[in-house]
Protein backbone atom coordinates (compact mmCIF):
# COMPACT_ATOMS: atom_id res chain seq x y z
CA MET A 1 -26.65 16.90 -39.48
CA SER A 2 -25.47 13.54 -40.86
CA SER A 3 -26.04 10.29 -39.00
CA ALA A 4 -22.26 9.80 -38.66
CA THR A 5 -21.90 13.21 -37.00
CA SER A 6 -24.81 12.41 -34.73
CA ARG A 7 -23.22 9.15 -33.62
CA PHE A 8 -19.90 10.95 -32.98
CA ASP A 9 -21.61 13.55 -30.82
CA LEU A 10 -23.42 10.81 -28.90
CA LEU A 11 -20.15 8.99 -28.29
CA ARG A 12 -18.45 12.21 -27.16
CA ARG A 13 -21.28 12.97 -24.70
CA HIS A 14 -21.01 9.47 -23.24
CA ARG A 15 -17.25 9.04 -23.46
CA ARG A 16 -16.90 8.94 -19.69
CA TRP A 17 -19.13 5.88 -19.56
CA VAL A 18 -17.30 4.35 -22.50
CA LEU A 19 -14.02 4.87 -20.64
CA VAL A 20 -15.43 3.29 -17.49
CA LEU A 21 -16.62 0.27 -19.46
CA VAL A 22 -13.24 -0.17 -21.14
CA VAL A 23 -11.40 0.04 -17.82
CA LEU A 24 -13.82 -2.43 -16.24
CA ALA A 25 -13.38 -4.80 -19.17
CA LEU A 26 -9.59 -4.76 -18.81
CA LEU A 27 -9.74 -5.25 -15.05
CA THR A 28 -12.25 -8.07 -15.53
CA GLU A 29 -9.89 -9.79 -17.95
CA LEU A 30 -7.08 -9.43 -15.42
CA ALA A 31 -9.27 -10.72 -12.59
CA VAL A 32 -10.44 -13.75 -14.59
CA ALA A 33 -6.86 -14.61 -15.58
CA MET A 34 -5.57 -14.30 -12.02
CA VAL A 35 -8.43 -16.15 -10.34
CA THR A 36 -8.24 -18.97 -12.88
CA THR A 37 -4.51 -19.25 -12.24
CA ALA A 38 -5.00 -19.12 -8.47
CA VAL A 39 -7.63 -21.86 -8.56
CA GLU A 40 -5.64 -24.22 -10.78
CA GLN A 41 -2.13 -23.93 -9.32
CA THR A 42 -0.79 -25.74 -6.30
CA PRO A 43 1.50 -23.89 -3.86
CA THR A 44 4.68 -22.38 -5.24
CA ILE A 45 7.88 -22.68 -3.24
CA ASP A 46 7.50 -19.49 -1.17
CA GLU A 47 3.75 -19.47 -0.58
CA PRO A 48 3.45 -22.05 2.23
CA VAL A 49 5.98 -20.09 4.31
CA TYR A 50 3.99 -16.87 3.93
CA ALA A 51 0.66 -18.60 4.54
CA GLY A 52 2.00 -20.38 7.62
CA THR A 53 3.48 -17.15 8.97
CA ALA A 54 0.15 -15.40 8.38
CA VAL A 55 -1.61 -18.05 10.49
CA VAL A 56 0.93 -17.53 13.29
CA TYR A 57 0.24 -13.79 13.09
CA LEU A 58 -3.49 -14.40 13.44
CA GLU A 59 -3.36 -17.00 16.20
CA GLN A 60 -0.23 -16.34 18.23
CA HIS A 61 0.66 -12.71 17.41
CA SER A 62 4.29 -13.75 17.09
CA LEU A 63 7.01 -12.37 14.83
CA ARG A 64 9.30 -15.38 15.13
CA TYR A 65 8.75 -16.76 11.62
CA ASN A 66 9.94 -15.39 8.27
CA ALA A 67 11.74 -12.46 9.90
CA GLU A 68 13.68 -11.81 6.68
CA HIS A 69 10.57 -10.07 5.36
CA PRO A 70 8.54 -7.37 7.16
CA PRO A 71 4.97 -8.23 8.18
CA LEU A 72 2.67 -6.15 5.95
CA GLY A 73 2.51 -8.47 2.94
CA LYS A 74 1.82 -11.43 5.20
CA LEU A 75 -0.84 -9.44 7.04
CA VAL A 76 -2.49 -8.92 3.64
CA ILE A 77 -2.40 -12.68 3.11
CA ALA A 78 -3.75 -13.17 6.64
CA SER A 79 -6.82 -11.11 5.74
CA GLY A 80 -7.85 -13.95 3.46
CA LEU A 81 -6.85 -16.79 5.78
CA ALA A 82 -8.89 -15.17 8.57
CA PHE A 83 -11.90 -16.76 6.84
CA ALA A 84 -10.41 -20.25 7.20
CA ASP A 85 -10.79 -22.30 10.35
CA VAL A 86 -7.09 -23.05 10.72
CA HIS A 87 -5.64 -23.84 14.12
CA LEU A 88 -1.95 -24.38 14.67
CA ASP A 89 -0.82 -26.58 17.55
CA PRO A 90 0.64 -24.15 20.15
CA ALA A 91 3.40 -26.69 20.77
CA PHE A 92 4.56 -26.64 17.15
CA ALA A 93 8.27 -25.81 17.07
CA GLY A 94 9.42 -26.52 13.52
CA ASP A 95 11.10 -24.12 11.11
CA GLN A 96 9.20 -21.96 8.66
CA THR A 97 9.27 -24.59 5.90
CA GLN A 98 7.80 -27.17 8.26
CA LEU A 99 5.30 -24.54 9.41
CA GLY A 100 3.97 -24.09 5.89
CA ARG A 101 3.54 -27.83 5.45
CA GLU A 102 1.85 -28.11 8.83
CA VAL A 103 -0.71 -25.42 8.00
CA LEU A 104 -1.48 -26.57 4.46
CA TYR A 105 -1.35 -30.34 4.81
CA GLU A 106 -1.56 -31.31 8.47
CA SER A 107 -4.27 -28.97 9.79
CA GLY A 108 -7.16 -30.97 8.37
CA GLN A 109 -8.07 -28.21 5.92
CA ASP A 110 -8.41 -28.38 2.15
CA PRO A 111 -5.06 -27.06 0.81
CA TRP A 112 -6.76 -25.85 -2.39
CA ARG A 113 -9.17 -23.69 -0.41
CA LEU A 114 -6.47 -22.40 1.93
CA MET A 115 -4.26 -21.31 -0.95
CA LEU A 116 -7.15 -19.58 -2.72
CA LEU A 117 -8.02 -17.66 0.46
CA ALA A 118 -4.37 -16.65 0.86
CA ARG A 119 -4.12 -15.52 -2.76
CA LEU A 120 -7.35 -13.54 -3.08
CA PRO A 121 -6.16 -10.44 -1.10
CA VAL A 122 -3.07 -10.20 -3.34
CA ILE A 123 -5.32 -10.47 -6.40
CA VAL A 124 -7.41 -7.58 -5.11
CA LEU A 125 -4.28 -5.50 -4.51
CA THR A 126 -3.03 -6.28 -8.01
CA LEU A 127 -6.32 -5.01 -9.48
CA LEU A 128 -6.06 -1.82 -7.42
CA PHE A 129 -2.52 -1.25 -8.66
CA GLY A 130 -3.96 -1.54 -12.17
CA LEU A 131 -6.08 1.50 -11.37
CA VAL A 132 -2.92 3.31 -10.24
CA VAL A 133 -1.26 2.50 -13.58
CA PHE A 134 -4.33 3.82 -15.38
CA ALA A 135 -4.52 7.01 -13.31
CA PHE A 136 -0.78 7.71 -13.56
CA ALA A 137 -0.79 7.26 -17.35
CA MET A 138 -3.97 9.31 -17.72
CA ASP A 139 -2.31 12.15 -15.82
CA LEU A 140 0.49 12.09 -18.39
CA ALA A 141 -1.27 11.32 -21.66
CA GLY A 142 -5.04 11.50 -21.20
CA ALA A 143 -7.69 8.80 -21.20
CA VAL A 144 -6.37 6.95 -24.26
CA GLY A 145 -2.91 6.77 -22.72
CA GLY A 146 -4.42 5.48 -19.50
CA VAL A 147 -6.25 2.71 -21.35
CA ALA A 148 -3.11 1.73 -23.27
CA ALA A 149 -1.05 1.53 -20.07
CA LEU A 150 -3.74 -0.45 -18.27
CA ALA A 151 -3.97 -2.86 -21.20
CA LEU A 152 -0.22 -3.53 -21.06
CA TYR A 153 -0.47 -4.06 -17.31
CA ALA A 154 -3.57 -6.26 -17.50
CA PHE A 155 -2.10 -8.51 -20.20
CA SER A 156 1.40 -8.72 -18.69
CA PRO A 157 2.07 -12.44 -18.10
CA ASP A 158 4.39 -11.65 -15.19
CA ILE A 159 1.81 -9.42 -13.50
CA ILE A 160 -0.87 -12.10 -13.92
CA ALA A 161 1.44 -14.89 -12.78
CA HIS A 162 2.74 -13.21 -9.62
CA GLY A 163 -0.35 -11.14 -8.89
CA SER A 164 -2.25 -14.40 -8.46
CA LEU A 165 0.14 -15.79 -5.83
CA ALA A 166 0.30 -15.28 -2.08
CA THR A 167 3.76 -13.74 -2.36
CA LEU A 168 5.28 -10.30 -1.75
CA ASP A 169 6.73 -9.19 -5.08
CA VAL A 170 3.66 -7.54 -6.65
CA PRO A 171 2.45 -5.86 -3.43
CA ALA A 172 5.88 -4.33 -2.76
CA ALA A 173 6.31 -3.07 -6.34
CA GLY A 174 2.73 -1.79 -6.47
CA PHE A 175 3.16 0.25 -3.31
CA VAL A 176 6.31 1.85 -4.76
CA LEU A 177 4.44 2.70 -7.96
CA THR A 178 1.59 4.21 -5.93
CA SER A 179 4.04 6.31 -3.93
CA VAL A 180 5.69 7.66 -7.09
CA TRP A 181 2.32 8.51 -8.65
CA LEU A 182 1.26 10.38 -5.51
CA VAL A 183 4.55 12.31 -5.45
CA TRP A 184 3.88 13.27 -9.08
CA ARG A 185 0.48 14.59 -8.07
CA ALA A 186 2.04 16.44 -5.15
CA ARG A 187 3.36 19.02 -7.60
CA ALA A 188 -0.12 20.54 -7.60
CA ARG A 189 -1.34 19.69 -4.08
CA PRO A 190 1.66 18.86 -1.91
CA THR A 191 -0.06 19.03 1.45
CA LEU A 192 -2.50 16.33 0.33
CA TYR A 193 -0.40 14.03 -1.80
CA LEU A 194 3.03 14.05 -0.13
CA PRO A 195 1.74 12.47 3.11
CA LEU A 196 -0.21 9.90 1.08
CA ALA A 197 2.92 9.16 -0.96
CA GLU A 198 4.93 8.52 2.19
CA LEU A 199 2.23 6.22 3.54
CA ALA A 200 2.47 4.21 0.32
CA LEU A 201 6.26 4.17 0.56
CA GLY A 202 5.96 2.96 4.15
CA ALA A 203 3.69 0.15 2.94
CA ALA A 204 6.37 -0.87 0.42
CA LEU A 205 9.08 -0.84 3.09
CA ALA A 206 6.82 -2.86 5.39
CA THR A 207 6.37 -5.50 2.66
CA LYS A 208 9.88 -6.12 1.26
CA MET A 209 13.22 -4.73 2.38
CA SER A 210 14.46 -4.49 -1.21
CA THR A 211 12.25 -1.42 -1.60
CA LEU A 212 14.69 0.53 0.59
CA ALA A 213 16.44 1.37 -2.69
CA ALA A 214 13.42 3.51 -3.56
CA VAL A 215 13.74 5.75 -0.47
CA PRO A 216 16.38 8.20 -1.78
CA VAL A 217 14.58 8.34 -5.13
CA LEU A 218 11.25 9.18 -3.49
CA LEU A 219 12.85 11.82 -1.28
CA LEU A 220 14.50 13.38 -4.33
CA LEU A 221 11.23 13.35 -6.28
CA GLY A 222 9.43 14.80 -3.27
CA VAL A 223 11.86 17.73 -3.19
CA LEU A 224 11.47 18.12 -6.96
CA SER A 225 7.69 18.23 -6.61
CA VAL A 226 7.67 21.09 -4.09
CA TRP A 227 10.84 22.90 -5.15
CA ARG A 228 9.01 25.96 -6.42
CA GLY A 229 7.41 26.39 -3.03
CA ARG A 230 10.56 26.20 -0.98
CA ARG A 231 8.70 26.86 2.23
CA LEU A 232 7.04 23.48 1.68
CA LEU A 233 10.33 21.55 1.71
CA TRP A 234 9.76 20.85 5.38
CA LEU A 235 6.76 18.79 4.30
CA VAL A 236 9.02 16.26 2.59
CA ALA A 237 10.88 15.58 5.82
CA ALA A 238 7.70 15.56 7.88
CA ALA A 239 5.99 13.17 5.48
CA ALA A 240 8.99 10.79 5.61
CA VAL A 241 8.15 10.21 9.27
CA LEU A 242 4.87 8.68 8.10
CA ALA A 243 6.75 6.05 6.08
CA VAL A 244 8.72 5.05 9.16
CA GLY A 245 5.50 5.00 11.17
CA VAL A 246 3.87 2.54 8.75
CA VAL A 247 6.76 0.12 9.22
CA TRP A 248 6.45 0.33 13.00
CA LEU A 249 2.67 -0.12 12.82
CA SER A 250 3.01 -3.24 10.69
CA TYR A 251 5.08 -4.87 13.44
CA LEU A 252 2.86 -3.60 16.24
CA ALA A 253 -0.21 -4.92 14.40
CA VAL A 254 1.24 -8.42 14.77
CA ASP A 255 2.50 -8.04 18.31
CA PRO A 256 1.63 -4.84 20.21
CA ARG A 257 4.23 -5.77 22.81
CA LEU A 258 6.89 -6.23 20.10
CA ARG A 259 8.35 -9.32 21.72
CA TRP A 260 11.46 -10.31 19.83
CA GLU A 261 14.68 -12.23 20.34
CA THR A 262 17.52 -11.70 17.90
CA PRO A 263 18.18 -15.05 16.17
CA ALA A 264 21.49 -16.72 16.87
CA GLY A 265 24.09 -16.82 14.15
CA LEU A 266 23.19 -13.62 12.31
CA PRO A 267 26.00 -12.48 10.00
CA PRO A 268 27.91 -9.45 11.27
CA ALA A 269 26.94 -6.12 9.75
CA GLN A 270 30.27 -4.75 8.55
CA GLY A 271 31.22 -1.92 6.21
CA LEU A 272 28.21 -0.23 4.63
CA ARG A 273 26.00 -2.93 6.10
CA ALA A 274 26.69 -1.47 9.53
CA LEU A 275 24.38 1.40 8.56
CA VAL A 276 21.50 -1.01 9.22
CA GLY A 277 21.93 -0.34 12.92
CA TRP A 278 21.10 3.33 12.34
CA LEU A 279 17.80 2.74 10.54
CA PRO A 280 14.81 4.10 12.51
CA PHE A 281 12.97 0.78 12.32
CA PRO A 282 12.12 -1.88 14.91
CA GLN A 283 14.82 -4.35 15.92
CA PRO A 284 13.16 -7.26 14.09
CA TYR A 285 13.34 -5.22 10.86
CA ARG A 286 17.05 -4.56 11.32
CA ASP A 287 17.68 -8.20 12.21
CA GLY A 288 15.65 -9.21 9.18
CA MET A 289 18.00 -7.21 7.01
CA ARG A 290 20.93 -9.11 8.47
CA LEU A 291 19.13 -12.34 7.61
CA GLN A 292 18.82 -11.05 4.05
CA PHE A 293 22.55 -10.31 4.03
CA GLY A 294 23.16 -13.91 5.07
CA LEU A 295 21.05 -15.16 2.17
CA GLU A 296 22.94 -12.91 -0.22
CA ASP A 297 26.24 -14.24 1.06
CA GLN A 298 25.33 -17.81 0.21
CA VAL A 299 26.58 -19.33 -3.04
CA TRP A 300 23.65 -19.69 -5.42
CA SER A 301 23.48 -21.30 -8.82
CA GLY A 302 21.67 -19.88 -11.84
CA PHE A 303 20.48 -20.99 -15.25
CA LEU A 304 20.35 -18.72 -18.29
CA PHE A 305 20.04 -19.60 -21.99
CA GLY A 306 20.83 -23.24 -21.32
CA ARG A 307 23.89 -22.55 -19.20
CA LEU A 308 24.10 -23.67 -15.57
CA TYR A 309 26.46 -21.49 -13.56
CA THR A 310 27.51 -20.75 -10.00
CA GLY A 311 27.19 -17.24 -8.61
CA SER A 312 25.28 -14.47 -10.34
CA LEU A 313 25.37 -12.63 -13.65
CA TRP A 314 24.94 -8.85 -13.62
CA TYR A 315 22.83 -8.98 -16.79
CA TYR A 316 20.56 -11.80 -15.61
CA LEU A 317 17.47 -9.68 -14.90
CA PRO A 318 17.54 -7.73 -18.19
CA ALA A 319 17.98 -11.04 -20.02
CA ALA A 320 15.11 -12.65 -18.11
CA LEU A 321 12.86 -9.68 -18.88
CA LEU A 322 13.81 -9.96 -22.54
CA VAL A 323 12.59 -13.56 -22.55
CA LYS A 324 9.48 -13.12 -20.43
CA THR A 325 8.00 -9.88 -21.78
CA PRO A 326 5.64 -9.86 -24.79
CA LEU A 327 7.44 -8.46 -27.83
CA GLY A 328 4.80 -5.78 -28.32
CA ALA A 329 5.28 -4.61 -24.75
CA LEU A 330 9.08 -4.55 -25.13
CA ALA A 331 8.78 -2.31 -28.18
CA LEU A 332 6.37 0.02 -26.39
CA TRP A 333 8.58 0.22 -23.29
CA ILE A 334 11.51 1.41 -25.37
CA ALA A 335 9.41 3.79 -27.45
CA GLY A 336 7.70 5.17 -24.35
CA ALA A 337 11.00 5.86 -22.59
CA VAL A 338 12.30 7.68 -25.67
CA VAL A 339 9.14 9.78 -25.94
CA LEU A 340 9.27 10.74 -22.25
CA LEU A 341 12.77 12.09 -22.77
CA ALA A 342 12.19 13.67 -26.19
CA VAL A 343 8.76 15.32 -26.01
CA ARG A 344 8.80 18.61 -24.12
CA ARG A 345 5.30 18.15 -22.72
CA LEU A 346 6.23 14.81 -21.14
CA ARG A 347 9.81 15.57 -20.13
CA PRO A 348 8.87 16.69 -16.58
CA ALA A 349 7.44 13.21 -15.98
CA ALA A 350 10.58 11.37 -17.09
CA PRO A 351 12.30 11.44 -13.65
CA TYR A 352 9.14 10.14 -11.98
CA VAL A 353 8.72 7.17 -14.33
CA LEU A 354 12.22 6.29 -15.49
CA LEU A 355 14.41 7.12 -12.47
CA PRO A 356 12.68 4.75 -10.00
CA THR A 357 12.71 2.02 -12.64
CA ALA A 358 16.43 2.47 -13.32
CA VAL A 359 17.47 2.68 -9.65
CA LEU A 360 15.37 -0.30 -8.53
CA LEU A 361 16.58 -2.38 -11.46
CA ALA A 362 20.21 -1.46 -10.80
CA ALA A 363 19.78 -2.41 -7.14
CA ALA A 364 18.13 -5.72 -8.06
CA MET A 365 20.91 -6.52 -10.55
CA THR A 366 23.47 -6.40 -7.73
CA GLY A 367 21.72 -9.28 -5.95
CA HIS A 368 23.28 -12.73 -5.83
CA ARG A 369 20.08 -14.72 -6.39
CA ASP A 370 19.33 -15.21 -10.09
CA LEU A 371 15.98 -16.83 -9.42
CA GLY A 372 13.46 -14.99 -11.55
CA ALA A 373 12.20 -11.90 -13.32
CA ARG A 374 9.88 -11.40 -10.34
CA TYR A 375 12.72 -9.49 -8.68
CA ALA A 376 12.09 -6.83 -11.34
CA ILE A 377 8.28 -7.01 -11.37
CA PHE A 378 8.17 -3.21 -10.99
CA VAL A 379 9.48 -2.84 -14.56
CA PRO A 380 6.24 -3.82 -16.36
CA MET A 381 4.33 -1.53 -13.99
CA PHE A 382 6.38 1.63 -14.52
CA LEU A 383 7.10 1.10 -18.21
CA ALA A 384 3.43 0.51 -18.97
CA VAL A 385 2.98 4.11 -17.80
CA ALA A 386 5.90 5.22 -19.98
CA ALA A 387 4.37 3.53 -23.04
CA ALA A 388 1.30 5.76 -22.72
CA GLY A 389 3.47 8.67 -23.85
CA LEU A 390 3.09 7.58 -27.48
CA VAL A 391 -0.41 9.02 -27.40
CA VAL A 392 0.94 12.58 -27.38
CA VAL A 393 3.06 12.03 -30.50
CA ARG A 394 1.16 13.88 -33.20
CA ARG A 395 1.66 11.30 -35.91
CA ARG A 396 -0.92 8.85 -37.13
CA TRP A 397 1.69 6.13 -37.42
CA ALA A 398 2.47 6.49 -33.72
CA HIS A 399 -1.16 5.95 -32.73
CA ALA A 400 -1.48 3.02 -35.14
CA ALA A 401 1.74 1.49 -33.83
CA LEU A 402 0.51 1.85 -30.26
CA ALA A 403 -2.75 0.06 -31.05
CA VAL A 404 -1.05 -2.73 -33.01
CA LEU A 405 1.64 -3.37 -30.41
CA VAL A 406 -0.83 -3.39 -27.51
CA ALA A 407 -2.95 -5.88 -29.46
CA PHE A 408 0.15 -7.98 -30.21
CA ALA A 409 1.05 -8.08 -26.51
CA ALA A 410 -2.53 -8.98 -25.58
CA VAL A 411 -2.71 -11.83 -28.08
CA SER A 412 0.63 -13.21 -26.90
CA SER A 413 -0.65 -13.15 -23.33
CA LEU A 414 -3.98 -14.74 -24.16
CA ARG A 415 -2.25 -17.56 -26.03
CA THR A 416 -0.43 -18.66 -22.87
CA PHE A 417 -3.62 -18.86 -20.75
CA PRO A 418 -3.67 -20.32 -18.12
CA TYR A 419 0.08 -21.07 -17.96
CA TYR A 420 1.36 -17.60 -17.17
CA LEU A 421 4.27 -18.47 -14.89
CA PRO A 422 6.28 -20.27 -17.62
CA TYR A 423 5.51 -17.63 -20.26
CA SER A 424 8.17 -16.58 -22.74
CA ASN A 425 7.63 -14.55 -25.88
CA GLU A 426 7.59 -15.85 -29.44
CA ALA A 427 11.24 -14.99 -30.10
CA PHE A 428 12.23 -17.58 -27.48
CA GLY A 429 9.77 -20.27 -28.50
CA GLY A 430 6.84 -19.47 -26.22
CA PRO A 431 6.02 -21.12 -22.85
CA ALA A 432 6.82 -24.63 -24.06
CA ASP A 433 10.48 -23.63 -24.49
CA THR A 434 10.99 -21.36 -21.47
CA HIS A 435 12.69 -24.17 -19.53
CA LEU A 436 15.43 -24.19 -22.16
CA HIS A 437 16.38 -20.60 -21.29
CA LEU A 438 15.42 -20.01 -17.63
CA HIS A 439 14.52 -21.88 -14.47
CA ASP A 440 12.99 -21.47 -10.99
CA SER A 441 10.18 -18.88 -10.66
CA ASN A 442 10.47 -18.03 -14.35
CA VAL A 443 9.03 -21.37 -15.36
CA ASP A 444 8.79 -24.04 -12.67
CA TRP A 445 8.09 -22.96 -9.11
CA GLY A 446 6.28 -26.10 -8.00
CA GLN A 447 2.91 -24.83 -9.26
CA ASP A 448 1.80 -27.83 -11.31
CA LEU A 449 1.70 -30.66 -8.79
CA GLY A 450 -2.11 -30.75 -8.89
CA ARG A 451 -2.14 -30.81 -12.70
CA LEU A 452 0.42 -33.62 -12.59
CA GLY A 453 -1.85 -35.66 -10.33
CA ASP A 454 -4.73 -35.21 -12.78
CA ARG A 455 -2.56 -36.14 -15.77
CA LEU A 456 -1.23 -39.31 -14.17
CA ARG A 457 -4.72 -40.48 -13.23
CA GLN A 458 -6.15 -39.75 -16.67
CA ARG A 459 -3.38 -41.01 -18.95
CA TYR A 460 -1.15 -43.30 -16.92
CA PRO A 461 -3.30 -45.20 -14.38
CA GLY A 462 -1.52 -48.00 -12.59
CA GLU A 463 1.97 -47.18 -13.89
CA ARG A 464 5.04 -47.02 -11.65
CA ILE A 465 5.96 -43.39 -10.98
CA TRP A 466 9.38 -42.02 -10.06
CA LEU A 467 9.32 -38.37 -9.07
CA VAL A 468 11.91 -35.60 -8.88
CA TYR A 469 9.81 -32.63 -7.79
CA LYS A 470 11.13 -29.16 -7.00
CA GLY A 471 8.53 -27.44 -4.87
CA SER A 472 6.78 -27.11 -1.52
CA GLY A 473 3.72 -29.23 -2.28
CA VAL A 474 3.14 -32.70 -0.87
CA PRO A 475 2.59 -35.12 -3.78
CA SER A 476 0.35 -37.50 -1.82
CA ALA A 477 -2.07 -34.65 -1.09
CA TYR A 478 -2.80 -34.54 -4.83
CA GLY A 479 -3.18 -38.28 -5.33
CA ILE A 480 0.39 -38.92 -6.48
CA THR A 481 2.08 -42.09 -5.30
CA ALA A 482 5.69 -41.98 -6.41
CA ALA A 483 9.10 -43.30 -5.46
CA ASP A 484 12.46 -41.57 -5.23
CA PRO A 485 14.66 -42.53 -8.20
CA PHE A 486 17.78 -41.72 -6.16
CA ALA A 487 16.93 -44.34 -3.52
CA VAL A 488 17.62 -47.28 -5.83
CA PRO A 489 20.23 -48.16 -8.47
CA PRO A 490 19.57 -46.48 -11.86
CA GLU A 491 18.77 -49.78 -13.58
CA GLU A 492 15.81 -50.29 -11.24
CA VAL A 493 14.18 -47.00 -12.28
CA ARG A 494 11.62 -48.30 -14.77
CA GLY A 495 8.27 -46.88 -15.72
CA LEU A 496 7.53 -43.14 -15.72
CA LEU A 497 10.20 -40.70 -14.54
CA VAL A 498 8.58 -37.36 -13.72
CA VAL A 499 10.99 -34.43 -13.35
CA SER A 500 10.44 -30.76 -12.57
CA ASP A 501 12.09 -28.70 -15.29
CA SER A 502 14.00 -26.61 -12.73
CA ALA A 503 15.47 -29.82 -11.33
CA ALA A 504 16.41 -30.92 -14.84
CA ALA A 505 18.10 -27.57 -15.50
CA LYS A 506 20.33 -28.11 -12.46
CA ALA A 507 20.71 -31.87 -12.86
CA ASP A 508 23.71 -33.51 -11.23
CA ALA A 509 25.51 -36.39 -12.91
CA ARG A 510 23.09 -39.03 -11.67
CA LEU A 511 19.91 -37.22 -12.72
CA ALA A 512 21.52 -36.27 -16.02
CA GLY A 513 22.30 -39.95 -16.58
CA LEU A 514 18.69 -40.94 -15.89
CA LEU A 515 17.37 -38.26 -18.22
CA GLY A 516 19.83 -39.15 -20.96
CA SER A 517 18.62 -42.75 -20.99
CA SER A 518 14.91 -41.82 -20.89
CA THR A 519 12.43 -40.78 -23.57
CA PRO A 520 10.25 -37.69 -23.00
CA VAL A 521 6.60 -38.61 -23.61
CA ASP A 522 4.55 -35.79 -22.04
CA GLU A 523 4.70 -32.44 -20.25
CA VAL A 524 2.50 -30.78 -17.64
CA GLY A 525 1.94 -27.03 -17.51
CA HIS A 526 5.21 -26.37 -19.38
CA SER A 527 7.00 -26.95 -16.06
CA ILE A 528 7.13 -30.73 -15.53
CA THR A 529 8.32 -33.31 -18.05
CA ILE A 530 7.29 -36.97 -18.04
CA TYR A 531 9.84 -39.49 -19.34
CA ARG A 532 9.48 -43.19 -20.00
CA ARG A 533 12.15 -45.66 -18.92
CA SER A 534 12.16 -49.28 -19.99
């Protein structure tokens, strides 16, 4: 026996351990990227609200804050903040924005530590969802397919960026993915996996209301999974009760007495919206949906490819994904979807992977808030699984293309470290140019206030600072002493003008005038630009 054959046999005997090591390596890379991001970034716009609400859950067992989102995601965040000694004044009566500021900056705690504790549970969940991606893809295409899918997930800049924040987007999408995977497995063992799938669906519904669009899809897939055993169809309906139960339990976990007063001024639920009243969920959930309707009815502005507009564009999310997805991943998503539909062996999986993606994306595209690709964060999760299908194509070029494109996506992701939130792919100039194409949570969500403080101390000590900051952070908490350039005549604004790129994208005439007569001299985190005015 040759030495090469001997080494091959040794590798084959130990391939399970090799697989474990590869999976651990990918999850370690993801964990390092997320923890580094979590440690270095100051609060994004939404995080203080969720962190403050989590503290109210822990201390006062009250549902009165952030009712537009169900409690489960904030209970996850609370599991981290339970280790912080935060005490909210029982007499506090501000709104949820003021609540977040009170908890982070007025409670006497270190805001860096509080945010890390709030973010760590979401990081753990994101890692666990990586295992779901791996397991789902391995079910379809074997171990190599599982590794390829996990690699795409682990190196996805959007997954890293939002999986490292104390927000609800990744948890909600991950629970939907888990539910679909369990329904897929229910084809073989329905009595085990259908109830588990409905528990995961219930967790998604108890995290974000936008996941309601997944309910008819999951019910359809559940019927599809047990269709051959028609006597088991009753199990689909019975398991659906579990999903409803999870939603109820999430509210009861906060307040077992379910004390709740419907907020004044809720928009009327008319037309199809009136169906909200028939949902088998607690009253605060139904009222929360009406709050969401009110937000949707507001007039929002958007920014896409350098154009500022009012309202929404139906193609905004696909365009944002085109900008913010590594080119290698985009190619593999398309190829994977084609293979799922074309290869007989994989065709049964196509409805489970592609249908939820299409329905959720279509639902998200009808929204009126063009604020970020995070509203479609489920796409890189599901389509990473689809990309694994290339493994079953019996052509060497297919396997080579898979390896090259995964490597291309990984390199593109590594090059943006640790600035994942403003990532854009090479076709759009990379993270330094993202602000030219997109705004808000795609590039500048208030995350770089701490880095700005460091930069000003290191490079511009003693200079006069004028700040236009779009975010929830408090500049003084990070050593920034700055004045408001709108509080004085434009000719008095001299020194350094520091502007969040999202604010620049939506600049009114006065800010545009200031920027037009200033010289850019520096940037921070690809989200804040420093100008000099003389």
